[in-house]
Amino acid sequence: MIRFEHVTKRYADGTTAVDDLSFEVAEGELVTLVGPSGCGKTTTMKMVNRLIEPTEGRILLDGQDIAETDPVALRRRIGYVIQQVGLFPHKTVLENTATVPHLLGWQRKKARDRAAELLELVGLDPALHGDRYPDQLSGGQRQRVGVARALAADPPVLLMDEPFGAVDPVVRERLQNEFLRLQSQVRKTVLFVTHDIEEAVRLGDRIAVYGHGRIEQLDAPSAVLGAPATPYVADFVGADRGLKRLSVTPIERGDLEQPPVVHLDDPVGTATSRLAREGADWAVVLDDGEKLHGWVAADAILHATDGTVRDHARRMDAWLPVGAPLKQAFSTMLQHDAGWIAVLDGDGSDHFLGVLTPAGLHEALRRSIGADAQGAERADIDLRTVSRR
């Protein structure tokens, strides 16, 4: 969708902002450009919509050289979101969102209907917020309107220049979550500029780590964190890159342990025998549909002579779907002071699959790093040698 071919941007004073840059962004891919201030990432992005013209090389959008396209027409085909949002203060939220469709000559009703649809998509009720003005919104709400406005004409490409940098950390995380949900639905081709490696890792399908005017590494987040290409990249992503990698390493079925399982209506004697046979101090409790109910401790039913497991079971709130990131698993363990979390099928059935323990989480992270280094699957990594089995 976007291709840079030996692109250089050199200013009159001799400063080279971007130096011989060549890379591609596939259709529907989100690539984060990350690096320190002055490294050329924003210049790279602004050359795509010709806010800045390259000195050398060319940029192709869907196979067409953008230098041969009228800049105004080009920009109306590209969504653009900036940190300061740039909403018109004298226009309502609905009018702001409908700006580009109006410029493209859409009929008023069609433009407003599209604006209302996009506001709902970014989590704002058009009936509640549509007639408000930007100064009546919170910072996070204004950012959502900025994203909605960028998407209003259904552009194939979205350029985002530190769009969530001006809000507090809590709101920023919510906006990131909302944007990931949104991108899973609309699948735009996105260049996303940030100086925050954690944001880059969390959002990007791939990460371009910038040095001065050059890309030092362009790779999947797990690869950038697990196998930095240069000492510069290793230094930039930080010594705690192993912890950052937790956010891009999903829970897999092979990471799970299988504890004893009992059911709500099992007689306590049956449950006690099972726990004793397996030498376990606790068991997972499921209902008749094989869905998680909770757990039961061996000492809670040891001296019970009648009744069922239901009478002694405890609810279990520490659970996640398979595929959730290990960072979320670790956070859930800490939040609930749990020695393990239950993992459920993520297909909507919520069937119990197994449990993830702290040791299992650590092994999953080690296998993930070893798999990237060896070009293998996680299941094929032998942790005794950190090599292929």
Protein backbone atom coordinates (compact mmCIF):
# COMPACT_ATOMS: atom_id res chain seq x y z
CA MET A 1 0.00 0.00 0.00
CA ILE A 2 2.81 2.47 0.94
CA ARG A 3 6.32 2.10 -0.48
CA PHE A 4 9.36 4.28 0.15
CA GLU A 5 12.08 3.99 -2.49
CA HIS A 6 15.43 5.54 -1.49
CA VAL A 7 13.75 8.58 0.04
CA THR A 8 15.92 11.39 1.41
CA LYS A 9 14.91 14.71 2.92
CA ARG A 10 17.70 17.27 3.08
CA TYR A 11 17.13 20.89 4.09
CA ALA A 12 18.83 24.00 2.72
CA ASP A 13 21.13 24.27 5.74
CA GLY A 14 22.50 20.81 4.99
CA THR A 15 20.53 18.98 7.68
CA THR A 16 19.47 15.49 6.59
CA ALA A 17 16.24 14.55 8.33
CA VAL A 18 15.69 11.29 6.43
CA ASP A 19 18.52 9.44 4.70
CA ASP A 20 17.95 6.93 1.87
CA LEU A 21 14.85 5.36 3.37
CA SER A 22 13.34 2.26 1.73
CA PHE A 23 10.53 0.18 3.24
CA GLU A 24 6.97 -0.96 2.59
CA VAL A 25 3.74 -0.98 4.58
CA ALA A 26 1.27 -3.65 3.52
CA GLU A 27 -2.44 -3.02 3.11
CA GLY A 28 -4.19 -3.19 6.47
CA GLU A 29 -0.91 -3.14 8.40
CA LEU A 30 -0.17 -0.85 11.35
CA VAL A 31 3.48 0.17 11.50
CA THR A 32 4.67 2.24 14.43
CA LEU A 33 7.58 4.64 13.88
CA VAL A 34 9.44 5.05 17.15
CA GLY A 35 12.55 6.93 18.14
CA PRO A 36 13.85 10.00 19.98
CA SER A 37 12.95 13.56 19.02
CA GLY A 38 14.61 14.72 15.80
CA CYS A 39 15.20 11.23 14.40
CA GLY A 40 13.06 11.75 11.28
CA LYS A 41 9.94 9.73 12.09
CA THR A 42 7.49 12.66 11.79
CA THR A 43 9.25 13.86 8.63
CA THR A 44 8.77 10.38 7.19
CA MET A 45 5.06 10.46 7.92
CA LYS A 46 4.51 14.00 6.62
CA MET A 47 6.10 13.10 3.31
CA VAL A 48 3.31 10.58 2.71
CA ASN A 49 0.66 13.32 2.48
CA ARG A 50 3.11 15.83 0.98
CA LEU A 51 3.14 18.22 3.90
CA ILE A 52 6.88 17.81 3.38
CA GLU A 53 8.36 17.07 -0.05
CA PRO A 54 11.27 14.61 -0.34
CA THR A 55 14.58 15.78 -1.76
CA GLU A 56 15.32 12.46 -3.44
CA GLY A 57 13.55 9.18 -4.08
CA ARG A 58 9.86 8.55 -4.38
CA ILE A 59 6.87 7.41 -2.35
CA LEU A 60 4.18 5.22 -3.87
CA LEU A 61 0.63 4.94 -2.57
CA ASP A 62 -1.18 1.91 -3.91
CA GLY A 63 1.36 1.76 -6.75
CA GLN A 64 1.08 5.43 -7.75
CA ASP A 65 3.86 7.98 -7.26
CA ILE A 66 2.36 10.61 -4.94
CA ALA A 67 4.48 13.31 -6.62
CA GLU A 68 2.17 12.95 -9.61
CA THR A 69 -0.96 13.49 -7.48
CA ASP A 70 -2.50 16.83 -6.59
CA PRO A 71 -1.57 17.44 -2.91
CA VAL A 72 -5.06 18.56 -1.89
CA ALA A 73 -6.72 15.56 -3.56
CA LEU A 74 -4.09 13.29 -1.99
CA ARG A 75 -4.74 14.61 1.52
CA ARG A 76 -8.45 14.04 1.21
CA ARG A 77 -7.69 10.35 0.61
CA ILE A 78 -5.50 10.10 3.72
CA GLY A 79 -6.73 10.36 7.31
CA TYR A 80 -4.50 12.50 9.52
CA VAL A 81 -4.55 12.58 13.34
CA ILE A 82 -2.21 14.77 15.38
CA GLN A 83 -1.51 15.20 19.08
CA GLN A 84 -3.22 18.59 19.30
CA VAL A 85 -6.30 17.15 17.49
CA GLY A 86 -6.92 20.40 15.58
CA LEU A 87 -10.71 20.48 15.87
CA PHE A 88 -12.49 23.62 14.69
CA PRO A 89 -13.63 25.36 17.90
CA HIS A 90 -16.62 27.06 16.26
CA LYS A 91 -18.05 23.78 14.89
CA THR A 92 -19.91 21.07 16.76
CA VAL A 93 -18.51 17.58 17.19
CA LEU A 94 -20.78 16.28 14.42
CA GLU A 95 -19.76 19.11 12.07
CA ASN A 96 -16.08 18.56 12.84
CA THR A 97 -16.38 14.86 12.09
CA ALA A 98 -18.15 15.55 8.79
CA THR A 99 -15.50 18.05 7.59
CA VAL A 100 -13.83 15.95 4.89
CA PRO A 101 -17.07 14.45 3.49
CA HIS A 102 -18.38 18.02 3.13
CA LEU A 103 -15.19 19.03 1.29
CA LEU A 104 -15.64 16.04 -1.01
CA GLY A 105 -19.13 17.25 -1.92
CA TRP A 106 -21.19 14.71 -0.03
CA GLN A 107 -24.82 15.60 0.58
CA ARG A 108 -25.40 17.06 4.04
CA LYS A 109 -27.50 14.14 5.33
CA LYS A 110 -25.04 11.53 4.06
CA ALA A 111 -22.13 13.38 5.65
CA ARG A 112 -23.91 13.75 9.01
CA ASP A 113 -25.04 10.11 9.00
CA ARG A 114 -21.46 9.03 8.35
CA ALA A 115 -20.22 11.31 11.13
CA ALA A 116 -22.75 9.86 13.58
CA GLU A 117 -21.74 6.32 12.58
CA LEU A 118 -18.06 7.11 13.19
CA LEU A 119 -18.73 8.74 16.55
CA GLU A 120 -20.46 5.56 17.69
CA LEU A 121 -17.55 3.53 16.38
CA VAL A 122 -15.06 5.47 18.53
CA GLY A 123 -17.28 5.16 21.60
CA LEU A 124 -19.07 8.52 21.62
CA ASP A 125 -22.87 8.76 21.59
CA PRO A 126 -23.77 11.16 18.76
CA ALA A 127 -27.06 12.03 20.47
CA LEU A 128 -25.15 13.06 23.59
CA HIS A 129 -21.95 14.53 22.11
CA GLY A 130 -22.84 15.45 18.53
CA ASP A 131 -24.10 18.98 19.28
CA ARG A 132 -21.33 19.82 21.75
CA TYR A 133 -18.34 21.98 20.94
CA PRO A 134 -14.72 20.86 21.38
CA ASP A 135 -14.20 22.94 24.55
CA GLN A 136 -17.05 20.99 26.17
CA LEU A 137 -15.17 17.68 25.79
CA SER A 138 -12.41 16.06 27.79
CA GLY A 139 -8.98 15.58 26.22
CA GLY A 140 -9.67 11.91 25.60
CA GLN A 141 -13.01 12.67 23.98
CA ARG A 142 -11.40 15.23 21.67
CA GLN A 143 -8.85 12.63 20.58
CA ARG A 144 -11.68 10.23 19.75
CA VAL A 145 -13.35 12.91 17.64
CA GLY A 146 -10.02 13.46 15.87
CA VAL A 147 -9.83 9.76 14.98
CA ALA A 148 -13.47 9.76 13.85
CA ARG A 149 -12.88 12.79 11.64
CA ALA A 150 -9.82 11.12 10.06
CA LEU A 151 -11.91 8.06 9.21
CA ALA A 152 -15.03 9.89 8.00
CA ALA A 153 -14.33 9.67 4.25
CA ASP A 154 -13.18 6.03 4.62
CA PRO A 155 -9.55 6.71 3.58
CA PRO A 156 -7.34 3.71 2.81
CA VAL A 157 -4.41 5.22 4.76
CA LEU A 158 -4.29 6.73 8.24
CA LEU A 159 -1.37 8.84 9.49
CA MET A 160 -1.18 9.35 13.26
CA ASP A 161 1.40 11.67 14.83
CA GLU A 162 1.61 10.96 18.58
CA PRO A 163 -2.20 11.15 18.78
CA PHE A 164 -2.44 10.04 22.42
CA GLY A 165 0.57 11.89 23.80
CA ALA A 166 -1.29 14.83 25.33
CA VAL A 167 -3.52 12.88 27.75
CA ASP A 168 -2.85 11.29 31.12
CA PRO A 169 -1.65 7.65 31.32
CA VAL A 170 -5.04 6.20 32.30
CA VAL A 171 -6.89 7.90 29.44
CA ARG A 172 -4.03 7.04 27.10
CA GLU A 173 -4.38 3.34 27.83
CA ARG A 174 -8.12 3.53 27.23
CA LEU A 175 -7.57 5.28 23.92
CA GLN A 176 -5.03 2.67 22.89
CA ASN A 177 -7.48 -0.12 23.75
CA GLU A 178 -10.23 1.65 21.81
CA PHE A 179 -7.98 2.18 18.81
CA LEU A 180 -6.91 -1.49 18.75
CA ARG A 181 -10.58 -2.48 18.80
CA LEU A 182 -11.33 0.01 16.04
CA GLN A 183 -8.42 -1.13 13.88
CA SER A 184 -9.55 -4.75 14.19
CA GLN A 185 -12.80 -3.65 12.54
CA VAL A 186 -11.68 -1.14 9.89
CA ARG A 187 -8.18 -2.53 9.05
CA LYS A 188 -6.68 0.68 7.74
CA THR A 189 -3.09 0.97 6.57
CA VAL A 190 -1.57 3.00 9.39
CA LEU A 191 1.69 4.84 10.05
CA PHE A 192 1.73 5.69 13.75
CA VAL A 193 4.44 7.98 15.13
CA THR A 194 5.37 7.73 18.80
CA HIS A 195 8.38 8.26 21.03
CA ASP A 196 7.10 5.65 23.51
CA ILE A 197 8.46 2.15 22.90
CA GLU A 198 5.72 0.57 25.05
CA GLU A 199 3.03 2.23 22.92
CA ALA A 200 4.85 1.14 19.76
CA VAL A 201 5.05 -2.45 20.99
CA ARG A 202 1.44 -2.53 22.07
CA LEU A 203 -0.08 -1.13 18.89
CA GLY A 204 2.20 -2.06 16.01
CA ASP A 205 2.04 -5.08 13.74
CA ARG A 206 5.63 -4.06 13.05
CA ILE A 207 7.91 -1.47 14.63
CA ALA A 208 10.36 0.79 12.79
CA VAL A 209 13.04 1.87 15.27
CA TYR A 210 14.67 5.06 14.07
CA GLY A 211 18.23 6.20 14.59
CA HIS A 212 19.15 9.53 13.04
CA GLY A 213 17.24 9.64 9.77
CA ARG A 214 17.49 5.89 9.27
CA ILE A 215 15.55 2.82 10.34
CA GLU A 216 17.78 0.69 12.54
CA GLN A 217 15.30 -2.20 12.68
CA LEU A 218 11.90 -2.88 11.14
CA ASP A 219 10.39 -6.01 12.59
CA ALA A 220 7.61 -7.55 14.65
CA PRO A 221 7.43 -6.22 18.22
CA SER A 222 8.49 -9.58 19.66
CA ALA A 223 11.56 -9.66 17.44
CA VAL A 224 12.58 -6.08 18.26
CA LEU A 225 12.34 -6.86 21.97
CA GLY A 226 13.75 -10.38 21.81
CA ALA A 227 16.50 -9.92 19.22
CA PRO A 228 17.52 -6.25 18.81
CA ALA A 229 19.37 -5.86 15.51
CA THR A 230 21.96 -3.37 16.78
CA PRO A 231 23.35 -2.10 20.09
CA TYR A 232 21.45 1.14 19.41
CA VAL A 233 18.13 -0.73 19.24
CA ALA A 234 18.97 -2.73 22.37
CA ASP A 235 19.74 0.48 24.23
CA PHE A 236 16.60 2.21 22.96
CA VAL A 237 14.16 -0.54 23.89
CA GLY A 238 15.79 -0.75 27.32
CA ALA A 239 17.25 -3.32 29.65
CA ASP A 240 13.72 -4.26 30.72
CA ARG A 241 12.77 -5.37 27.21
CA GLY A 242 12.00 -8.83 28.62
CA LEU A 243 9.22 -7.28 30.71
CA LYS A 244 7.99 -5.27 27.72
CA ARG A 245 7.86 -8.48 25.74
CA LEU A 246 5.17 -9.77 28.10
CA SER A 247 2.71 -7.44 26.40
CA VAL A 248 3.23 -9.03 22.96
CA THR A 249 3.51 -12.68 24.01
CA PRO A 250 0.12 -14.44 24.09
CA ILE A 251 -0.95 -17.27 26.36
CA GLU A 252 -0.91 -20.51 24.36
CA ARG A 253 -2.49 -23.83 25.23
CA GLY A 254 0.95 -25.41 25.53
CA ASP A 255 1.74 -23.05 28.42
CA LEU A 256 -1.02 -24.46 30.61
CA GLU A 257 -0.95 -26.99 33.41
CA GLN A 258 -3.80 -29.43 34.06
CA PRO A 259 -4.81 -29.52 37.73
CA PRO A 260 -7.40 -31.89 39.16
CA VAL A 261 -10.91 -31.00 38.02
CA VAL A 262 -14.14 -31.65 39.89
CA HIS A 263 -17.74 -30.61 39.23
CA LEU A 264 -20.23 -28.71 41.34
CA ASP A 265 -22.50 -31.69 41.87
CA ASP A 266 -19.76 -34.24 42.60
CA PRO A 267 -20.07 -35.82 46.06
CA VAL A 268 -17.39 -34.49 48.41
CA GLY A 269 -16.12 -38.04 48.88
CA THR A 270 -15.43 -38.37 45.16
CA ALA A 271 -13.62 -35.02 45.12
CA THR A 272 -11.56 -35.90 48.21
CA SER A 273 -10.47 -39.20 46.66
CA ARG A 274 -9.44 -37.48 43.44
CA LEU A 275 -7.36 -34.88 45.24
CA ALA A 276 -5.71 -37.52 47.43
CA ARG A 277 -4.96 -39.70 44.40
CA GLU A 278 -3.24 -36.81 42.63
CA GLY A 279 -1.56 -35.44 45.74
CA ALA A 280 -3.11 -32.02 45.18
CA ASP A 281 -4.08 -29.31 47.66
CA TRP A 282 -6.86 -27.89 45.47
CA ALA A 283 -8.96 -28.56 42.39
CA VAL A 284 -10.67 -26.47 39.76
CA VAL A 285 -14.47 -26.58 39.96
CA LEU A 286 -16.54 -26.64 36.76
CA ASP A 287 -20.27 -26.60 36.17
CA ASP A 288 -22.16 -29.13 34.05
CA GLY A 289 -21.28 -27.18 30.91
CA GLU A 290 -17.55 -27.49 31.60
CA LYS A 291 -17.38 -23.78 32.38
CA LEU A 292 -15.33 -22.36 35.22
CA HIS A 293 -17.09 -21.93 38.54
CA GLY A 294 -14.13 -21.63 40.90
CA TRP A 295 -11.95 -23.87 43.02
CA VAL A 296 -12.07 -25.96 46.16
CA ALA A 297 -9.34 -26.57 48.75
CA ALA A 298 -8.57 -30.12 49.84
CA ASP A 299 -8.68 -29.22 53.54
CA ALA A 300 -12.15 -27.67 53.07
CA ILE A 301 -13.68 -31.03 52.12
CA LEU A 302 -11.32 -33.41 53.94
CA HIS A 303 -13.63 -34.04 56.90
CA ALA A 304 -16.95 -33.55 55.11
CA THR A 305 -19.06 -36.71 55.13
CA ASP A 306 -21.92 -35.70 52.85
CA GLY A 307 -22.99 -32.97 50.48
CA THR A 308 -21.47 -31.92 47.19
CA VAL A 309 -18.57 -29.81 46.03
CA ARG A 310 -21.03 -26.94 45.52
CA ASP A 311 -21.26 -26.54 49.30
CA HIS A 312 -17.52 -25.83 49.62
CA ALA A 313 -16.48 -24.28 46.30
CA ARG A 314 -15.12 -20.75 46.08
CA ARG A 315 -15.59 -18.38 43.17
CA MET A 316 -12.56 -17.72 40.96
CA ASP A 317 -12.17 -14.24 39.53
CA ALA A 318 -8.60 -14.63 38.27
CA TRP A 319 -9.15 -15.87 34.72
CA LEU A 320 -8.35 -14.85 31.13
CA PRO A 321 -9.05 -16.17 27.62
CA VAL A 322 -6.34 -18.05 25.78
CA GLY A 323 -4.44 -15.61 23.57
CA ALA A 324 -4.44 -12.82 26.15
CA PRO A 325 -0.96 -11.28 26.63
CA LEU A 326 1.30 -12.57 29.38
CA LYS A 327 1.47 -9.04 30.79
CA GLN A 328 -2.26 -9.18 31.45
CA ALA A 329 -1.85 -12.59 33.04
CA PHE A 330 0.88 -11.30 35.35
CA SER A 331 -1.22 -8.27 36.25
CA THR A 332 -4.23 -10.47 37.00
CA MET A 333 -2.15 -12.67 39.30
CA LEU A 334 -0.97 -9.62 41.23
CA GLN A 335 -4.41 -7.99 41.34
CA HIS A 336 -6.05 -11.07 42.85
CA ASP A 337 -2.99 -12.23 44.84
CA ALA A 338 -3.36 -15.53 42.99
CA GLY A 339 -0.84 -18.31 42.60
CA TRP A 340 -2.44 -19.25 39.28
CA ILE A 341 -5.06 -18.04 36.86
CA ALA A 342 -7.64 -20.06 34.98
CA VAL A 343 -7.48 -19.91 31.18
CA LEU A 344 -10.66 -20.27 29.13
CA ASP A 345 -11.38 -20.91 25.49
CA GLY A 346 -11.54 -17.60 23.67
CA ASP A 347 -14.15 -18.65 21.10
CA GLY A 348 -17.10 -17.55 23.24
CA SER A 349 -17.80 -20.94 24.82
CA ASP A 350 -15.69 -20.09 27.90
CA HIS A 351 -14.73 -23.73 28.36
CA PHE A 352 -11.94 -24.31 30.86
CA LEU A 353 -8.58 -25.16 29.22
CA GLY A 354 -6.10 -25.21 32.10
CA VAL A 355 -4.23 -22.94 34.47
CA LEU A 356 -1.25 -20.66 34.06
CA THR A 357 1.17 -20.47 36.99
CA PRO A 358 4.03 -18.01 37.55
CA ALA A 359 6.46 -20.76 36.52
CA GLY A 360 4.41 -21.42 33.37
CA LEU A 361 4.39 -17.72 32.55
CA HIS A 362 8.17 -17.56 32.86
CA GLU A 363 8.60 -20.62 30.67
CA ALA A 364 6.24 -19.17 28.05
CA LEU A 365 8.32 -16.00 27.87
CA ARG A 366 11.57 -17.96 27.57
CA ARG A 367 10.13 -20.16 24.83
CA SER A 368 8.91 -17.10 22.96
CA ILE A 369 12.35 -15.52 23.02
CA GLY A 370 14.00 -18.79 22.04
CA ALA A 371 11.51 -19.35 19.21
CA ASP A 372 12.26 -15.96 17.67
CA ALA A 373 15.99 -16.49 17.98
CA GLN A 374 15.79 -19.96 16.38
CA GLY A 375 13.05 -19.22 13.84
CA ALA A 376 10.96 -22.00 15.38
CA GLU A 377 7.59 -22.50 17.03
CA ARG A 378 7.35 -22.02 20.79
CA ALA A 379 6.34 -25.66 21.28
CA ASP A 380 9.57 -26.77 19.59
CA ILE A 381 11.88 -25.00 22.05
CA ASP A 382 13.62 -27.14 24.67
CA LEU A 383 14.14 -24.94 27.72
CA ARG A 384 17.00 -27.09 29.01
CA THR A 385 19.14 -25.93 26.10
CA VAL A 386 16.96 -23.11 24.70
CA SER A 387 17.23 -24.82 21.34
CA ARG A 388 14.98 -26.73 18.97
CA ARG A 389 13.85 -30.12 20.16
